[in-house]
């Protein structure tokens, strides 16, 4: 999708960047436009390698509070997830505060698979079950602090970190006036009243938090080749990982995603766990509404997503009351 946060580079700038990063120039380039925030290119290098280049937004562009330094968290998440056995697109090079580019970039191995949303829109049981196993494996990666350490939205407890993350989003609506279906302070109050259930979470786990089918690549025989786009990753409750694979819906006990997850680690949907899920839905749907401020999506493209996020946010907040 078109977004104001996507940086534009000329062919000459792309070539110069890859020569600095990889020691070879660009033979062919095509922009990948499915993403929402960062500019992404698939490149064939002069030495024959196929790579993907991901660029942070221009450094002078204001962003949402949680979006600062996202590529730095993504680089760390890719390394940790891959080491744990989760299939990822391997990180070849990470550049932070590049003196010429003026920002961050990642160079990743190009995948030869196909995004799930382009090949298997029916969400077959075998893929969802395999995805559940990978998400449970990812949850085994643990850290030392909750939240987003690369932008300071952290807490010593998951409740503290979550409320800081949610509060930062609501505060961002002051910088980017956002039409919300409920007053920001009401959302803050309702979420705060329910947040005691987050005290059940004692260990920060790595959470991808953007595992929709477009970020899951499949091989030609329908197996998961890689989970991509770790830029929204944080340290928190592994239960939050169930939100994006079931976006705008519910987590059902008969979902193969849960069956696969439980093959690797236990998961029980207690009443408190269901409340935690509604807190995470509230956070995700707020992101989808507030992020349009700095990104300025084309109205025709964004309207369906905005409408779904609006109605789903109301439903999640009402469930928390």
Protein backbone atom coordinates (compact mmCIF):
# COMPACT_ATOMS: atom_id res chain seq x y z
CA UNK A 1 0.00 0.00 0.00
CA UNK A 2 1.16 3.52 -0.67
CA UNK A 3 2.39 5.27 2.46
CA UNK A 4 4.17 8.53 3.20
CA UNK A 5 6.62 6.57 5.35
CA UNK A 6 8.04 4.66 2.37
CA UNK A 7 11.36 6.10 1.33
CA UNK A 8 12.14 6.57 -2.38
CA UNK A 9 15.61 5.81 -3.73
CA UNK A 10 16.85 6.24 -7.28
CA UNK A 11 18.54 3.29 -9.06
CA UNK A 12 21.86 5.02 -8.45
CA UNK A 13 21.18 5.34 -4.73
CA UNK A 14 20.13 1.69 -4.49
CA UNK A 15 23.29 0.60 -6.26
CA UNK A 16 25.52 2.73 -4.04
CA UNK A 17 23.85 1.42 -0.87
CA UNK A 18 24.29 -2.24 -1.87
CA UNK A 19 27.91 -1.66 -2.80
CA UNK A 20 28.51 -0.33 0.70
CA UNK A 21 26.46 -3.03 2.39
CA UNK A 22 27.24 -6.11 0.31
CA UNK A 23 30.31 -5.24 -1.74
CA UNK A 24 28.55 -5.55 -5.07
CA UNK A 25 26.13 -3.52 -7.18
CA UNK A 26 22.53 -4.04 -8.27
CA UNK A 27 21.79 -5.79 -11.55
CA UNK A 28 18.00 -5.63 -11.29
CA UNK A 29 15.49 -4.14 -8.82
CA UNK A 30 11.76 -4.29 -8.25
CA UNK A 31 9.84 -2.65 -5.42
CA UNK A 32 7.59 -4.85 -3.28
CA UNK A 33 4.48 -2.85 -2.47
CA UNK A 34 2.45 -5.18 -0.24
CA UNK A 35 3.84 -3.75 3.01
CA UNK A 36 2.36 -0.81 4.88
CA UNK A 37 5.29 1.07 6.41
CA UNK A 38 8.83 0.45 5.18
CA UNK A 39 10.05 0.62 1.60
CA UNK A 40 11.10 -2.83 0.36
CA UNK A 41 12.89 -3.94 -2.81
CA UNK A 42 13.74 -7.34 -4.23
CA UNK A 43 17.20 -7.07 -5.79
CA UNK A 44 19.38 -9.24 -7.99
CA UNK A 45 22.97 -8.37 -7.26
CA UNK A 46 25.77 -8.36 -9.78
CA UNK A 47 27.27 -11.45 -8.14
CA UNK A 48 24.01 -13.35 -8.73
CA UNK A 49 22.57 -13.27 -5.23
CA UNK A 50 18.88 -12.49 -4.73
CA UNK A 51 18.21 -10.31 -1.69
CA UNK A 52 15.52 -8.13 -0.17
CA UNK A 53 16.35 -4.61 1.00
CA UNK A 54 14.21 -2.98 3.68
CA UNK A 55 14.55 0.73 4.50
CA UNK A 56 13.37 2.69 7.50
CA UNK A 57 11.28 5.83 6.85
CA UNK A 58 13.11 9.11 6.22
CA UNK A 59 14.77 10.26 9.46
CA UNK A 60 13.02 13.63 9.38
CA UNK A 61 9.55 12.03 9.18
CA UNK A 62 7.70 11.94 12.49
CA UNK A 63 6.30 8.53 13.40
CA UNK A 64 4.19 6.92 16.09
CA UNK A 65 6.05 6.52 19.37
CA UNK A 66 6.24 2.72 19.16
CA UNK A 67 7.52 2.86 15.56
CA UNK A 68 10.88 4.42 16.39
CA UNK A 69 13.81 2.12 15.56
CA UNK A 70 11.57 -0.75 14.45
CA UNK A 71 14.18 -2.21 12.10
CA UNK A 72 16.55 -2.59 15.04
CA UNK A 73 14.01 -4.74 16.87
CA UNK A 74 13.31 -6.63 13.67
CA UNK A 75 16.99 -7.46 13.17
CA UNK A 76 17.23 -8.80 16.72
CA UNK A 77 13.97 -10.74 16.41
CA UNK A 78 15.09 -12.41 13.17
CA UNK A 79 18.33 -13.55 14.76
CA UNK A 80 16.65 -14.90 17.89
CA UNK A 81 13.74 -16.55 16.07
CA UNK A 82 16.03 -18.23 13.56
CA UNK A 83 18.31 -19.52 16.32
CA UNK A 84 15.26 -21.04 18.05
CA UNK A 85 14.28 -22.93 14.90
CA UNK A 86 11.52 -20.67 13.60
CA UNK A 87 11.75 -20.35 9.79
CA UNK A 88 12.74 -16.79 8.84
CA UNK A 89 14.30 -14.93 5.92
CA UNK A 90 17.93 -14.86 6.98
CA UNK A 91 19.49 -11.52 7.87
CA UNK A 92 22.57 -10.82 5.73
CA UNK A 93 23.36 -7.29 6.81
CA UNK A 94 21.95 -4.63 9.13
CA UNK A 95 22.96 -1.00 8.92
CA UNK A 96 21.91 1.49 11.57
CA UNK A 97 22.28 5.26 11.23
CA UNK A 98 23.89 4.80 7.83
CA UNK A 99 25.89 8.00 7.26
CA UNK A 100 24.91 8.31 3.59
CA UNK A 101 21.35 7.01 3.73
CA UNK A 102 20.53 8.73 7.00
CA UNK A 103 18.59 5.89 8.62
CA UNK A 104 18.47 2.12 9.06
CA UNK A 105 18.34 -0.73 6.57
CA UNK A 106 18.23 -4.53 6.51
CA UNK A 107 19.41 -6.86 3.74
CA UNK A 108 17.65 -10.23 3.88
CA UNK A 109 17.82 -13.44 1.90
CA UNK A 110 15.18 -13.45 -0.83
CA UNK A 111 12.57 -16.20 -0.60
CA UNK A 112 11.41 -18.33 -3.52
CA UNK A 113 8.07 -19.18 -1.91
CA UNK A 114 4.73 -17.38 -2.17
CA UNK A 115 2.81 -15.41 0.47
CA UNK A 116 0.06 -17.53 1.98
CA UNK A 117 -2.64 -14.98 1.13
CA UNK A 118 -1.83 -15.40 -2.56
CA UNK A 119 -1.80 -19.18 -2.64
CA UNK A 120 -4.03 -20.67 0.05
CA UNK A 121 -6.78 -18.19 0.92
CA UNK A 122 -8.91 -20.93 2.47
CA UNK A 123 -6.52 -21.19 5.47
CA UNK A 124 -6.09 -24.97 5.25
CA UNK A 125 -5.84 -26.86 8.49
CA UNK A 126 -2.35 -28.21 7.84
CA UNK A 127 -0.82 -24.75 7.39
CA UNK A 128 -2.56 -23.33 10.46
CA UNK A 129 -1.42 -26.29 12.54
CA UNK A 130 2.18 -25.88 11.37
CA UNK A 131 1.97 -22.13 12.07
CA UNK A 132 0.79 -22.85 15.61
CA UNK A 133 3.87 -25.00 16.24
CA UNK A 134 6.17 -22.25 14.99
CA UNK A 135 4.47 -19.62 17.15
CA UNK A 136 4.83 -21.81 20.21
CA UNK A 137 8.52 -22.24 19.41
CA UNK A 138 8.90 -18.47 19.09
CA UNK A 139 7.34 -18.08 22.54
CA UNK A 140 10.25 -20.06 23.98
CA UNK A 141 12.55 -17.10 23.18
CA UNK A 142 12.64 -15.01 26.33
CA UNK A 143 14.10 -11.64 27.26
CA UNK A 144 14.86 -9.51 30.28
CA UNK A 145 12.37 -6.64 29.92
CA UNK A 146 8.80 -6.26 28.72
CA UNK A 147 7.81 -4.01 25.82
CA UNK A 148 9.86 -2.31 23.10
CA UNK A 149 13.45 -1.88 24.33
CA UNK A 150 14.53 -0.07 21.17
CA UNK A 151 12.27 2.91 21.78
CA UNK A 152 11.94 2.99 25.56
CA UNK A 153 8.37 1.71 25.88
CA UNK A 154 9.25 -0.87 28.51
CA UNK A 155 8.24 -1.97 31.97
CA UNK A 156 9.45 -4.26 34.72
CA UNK A 157 6.06 -6.02 34.58
CA UNK A 158 3.92 -6.89 31.59
CA UNK A 159 1.06 -4.80 32.97
CA UNK A 160 3.30 -1.73 33.19
CA UNK A 161 4.72 -2.25 29.70
CA UNK A 162 1.34 -2.88 28.09
CA UNK A 163 -0.20 0.23 29.63
CA UNK A 164 2.78 2.30 28.47
CA UNK A 165 2.43 0.88 24.95
CA UNK A 166 -1.31 1.52 24.87
CA UNK A 167 -0.90 4.95 26.45
CA UNK A 168 1.71 5.96 23.86
CA UNK A 169 -0.72 5.10 21.07
CA UNK A 170 -3.51 7.08 22.67
CA UNK A 171 -1.14 10.00 23.24
CA UNK A 172 -0.19 9.83 19.56
CA UNK A 173 -3.78 10.71 18.69
CA UNK A 174 -3.00 14.21 20.01
CA UNK A 175 -0.18 14.61 17.46
CA UNK A 176 -2.19 12.89 14.73
CA UNK A 177 -5.90 13.61 15.29
CA UNK A 178 -7.52 10.23 14.71
CA UNK A 179 -11.25 9.55 14.43
CA UNK A 180 -11.84 6.94 17.13
CA UNK A 181 -15.21 5.29 17.81
CA UNK A 182 -14.72 5.90 21.55
CA UNK A 183 -12.96 8.70 23.44
CA UNK A 184 -9.27 7.99 23.99
CA UNK A 185 -9.57 8.47 27.75
CA UNK A 186 -12.45 6.00 27.92
CA UNK A 187 -10.35 3.37 26.12
CA UNK A 188 -7.47 4.09 28.51
CA UNK A 189 -9.75 3.76 31.55
CA UNK A 190 -11.46 0.54 30.44
CA UNK A 191 -8.18 -1.13 29.50
CA UNK A 192 -6.57 0.00 32.75
CA UNK A 193 -9.40 -1.50 34.78
CA UNK A 194 -8.96 -4.88 33.09
CA UNK A 195 -5.14 -4.88 33.01
CA UNK A 196 -4.72 -6.74 36.32
CA UNK A 197 -5.07 -10.00 34.35
CA UNK A 198 -1.72 -9.22 32.72
CA UNK A 199 0.01 -9.95 36.02
CA UNK A 200 -0.30 -13.64 35.15
CA UNK A 201 2.52 -13.07 32.64
CA UNK A 202 5.84 -13.27 34.49
CA UNK A 203 8.38 -13.84 31.69
CA UNK A 204 8.90 -11.63 28.60
CA UNK A 205 8.53 -13.78 25.48
CA UNK A 206 9.29 -12.69 21.93
CA UNK A 207 6.02 -11.83 20.18
CA UNK A 208 5.91 -11.22 16.41
CA UNK A 209 2.43 -9.60 16.52
CA UNK A 210 1.99 -9.37 12.76
CA UNK A 211 1.44 -12.97 11.64
CA UNK A 212 -1.26 -12.44 9.04
CA UNK A 213 -1.16 -14.61 5.88
CA UNK A 214 0.74 -12.00 3.88
CA UNK A 215 3.68 -12.44 6.26
CA UNK A 216 3.75 -16.24 5.97
CA UNK A 217 5.57 -17.64 2.93
CA UNK A 218 4.78 -21.14 1.68
CA UNK A 219 6.85 -23.54 -0.38
CA UNK A 220 5.51 -25.06 -3.58
CA UNK A 221 4.23 -28.06 -1.61
CA UNK A 222 2.35 -25.93 0.94
CA UNK A 223 4.76 -25.98 3.88
CA UNK A 224 5.78 -22.82 5.71
CA UNK A 225 9.03 -21.51 4.27
CA UNK A 226 9.36 -18.42 6.45
CA UNK A 227 7.57 -15.96 8.71
CA UNK A 228 8.62 -12.46 7.71
CA UNK A 229 8.25 -8.82 8.83
CA UNK A 230 9.24 -8.92 12.50
CA UNK A 231 9.22 -5.13 12.73
CA UNK A 232 6.27 -4.97 15.15
CA UNK A 233 7.83 -7.53 17.51
CA UNK A 234 7.94 -6.87 21.25
CA UNK A 235 8.68 -8.70 24.51
CA UNK A 236 5.47 -9.70 26.21
CA UNK A 237 2.73 -12.29 26.53
CA UNK A 238 2.96 -15.14 23.98
CA UNK A 239 -0.84 -15.30 24.04
CA UNK A 240 -0.81 -12.03 22.05
CA UNK A 241 0.52 -14.02 19.10
CA UNK A 242 -2.95 -15.47 18.53
CA UNK A 243 -4.42 -12.09 17.59
CA UNK A 244 -3.08 -11.42 14.11
CA UNK A 245 -3.63 -14.94 12.67
CA UNK A 246 -7.30 -14.52 13.69
CA UNK A 247 -7.53 -10.77 12.99
CA UNK A 248 -11.07 -9.35 13.14
CA UNK A 249 -12.26 -12.71 14.48
CA UNK A 250 -12.12 -14.90 17.57
CA UNK A 251 -9.77 -17.65 18.72
CA UNK A 252 -11.77 -20.87 18.61
CA UNK A 253 -10.97 -24.04 20.52
CA UNK A 254 -11.36 -26.03 17.29
CA UNK A 255 -8.81 -23.89 15.42
CA UNK A 256 -5.91 -26.04 14.12
CA UNK A 257 -3.66 -23.11 15.08
CA UNK A 258 -4.31 -23.92 18.74
CA UNK A 259 -3.84 -27.64 18.18
CA UNK A 260 -0.43 -27.06 16.63
CA UNK A 261 0.55 -24.65 19.38
CA UNK A 262 -0.37 -27.16 22.06
CA UNK A 263 1.84 -29.77 20.44
CA UNK A 264 4.80 -27.65 21.55
CA UNK A 265 3.68 -25.88 24.74
CA UNK A 266 0.53 -25.82 26.91
CA UNK A 267 -2.08 -23.13 26.37
CA UNK A 268 -5.38 -22.84 28.19
CA UNK A 269 -8.01 -20.25 27.28
CA UNK A 270 -9.16 -19.41 30.79
CA UNK A 271 -11.50 -16.45 31.45
CA UNK A 272 -8.45 -14.35 32.35
CA UNK A 273 -6.71 -15.41 29.14
CA UNK A 274 -9.75 -14.37 27.10
CA UNK A 275 -9.61 -10.94 28.77
CA UNK A 276 -5.93 -10.68 27.89
CA UNK A 277 -6.82 -11.43 24.27
CA UNK A 278 -9.31 -8.56 24.27
CA UNK A 279 -6.63 -6.23 25.63
CA UNK A 280 -4.34 -7.24 22.76
CA UNK A 281 -7.15 -6.80 20.22
CA UNK A 282 -7.73 -3.32 21.59
CA UNK A 283 -4.06 -2.51 21.10
CA UNK A 284 -3.88 -3.92 17.56
CA UNK A 285 -7.03 -2.20 16.32
CA UNK A 286 -5.82 1.09 17.75
CA UNK A 287 -2.57 0.68 15.83
CA UNK A 288 -4.49 0.14 12.60
CA UNK A 289 -6.42 3.37 13.17
CA UNK A 290 -3.71 5.65 14.57
CA UNK A 291 -0.95 4.66 12.12
CA UNK A 292 -2.78 6.35 9.26
CA UNK A 293 -1.72 9.67 10.81
CA UNK A 294 1.92 9.61 9.73
CA UNK A 295 1.41 7.22 6.82
CA UNK A 296 -1.52 8.89 5.04
CA UNK A 297 -2.79 5.87 3.14
CA UNK A 298 -4.83 6.40 -0.03
CA UNK A 299 -8.44 6.74 1.13
CA UNK A 300 -9.87 4.15 -1.26
CA UNK A 301 -7.33 1.53 -0.20
CA UNK A 302 -7.49 2.25 3.51
CA UNK A 303 -11.26 2.61 4.00
CA UNK A 304 -12.11 -1.13 4.26
CA UNK A 305 -9.35 -1.73 6.81
CA UNK A 306 -10.32 1.38 8.79
CA UNK A 307 -13.97 0.28 8.94
CA UNK A 308 -13.09 -3.22 10.13
CA UNK A 309 -10.67 -1.87 12.74
CA UNK A 310 -13.28 0.62 13.99
CA UNK A 311 -16.05 -1.92 14.54
CA UNK A 312 -13.62 -4.46 15.98
CA UNK A 313 -12.17 -1.93 18.44
CA UNK A 314 -15.63 -1.17 19.80
CA UNK A 315 -16.31 -4.89 20.21
CA UNK A 316 -13.02 -5.47 22.06
CA UNK A 317 -13.50 -2.53 24.42
CA UNK A 318 -17.09 -3.57 25.16
CA UNK A 319 -15.85 -7.06 26.01
CA UNK A 320 -13.41 -5.54 28.51
CA UNK A 321 -16.07 -3.57 30.41
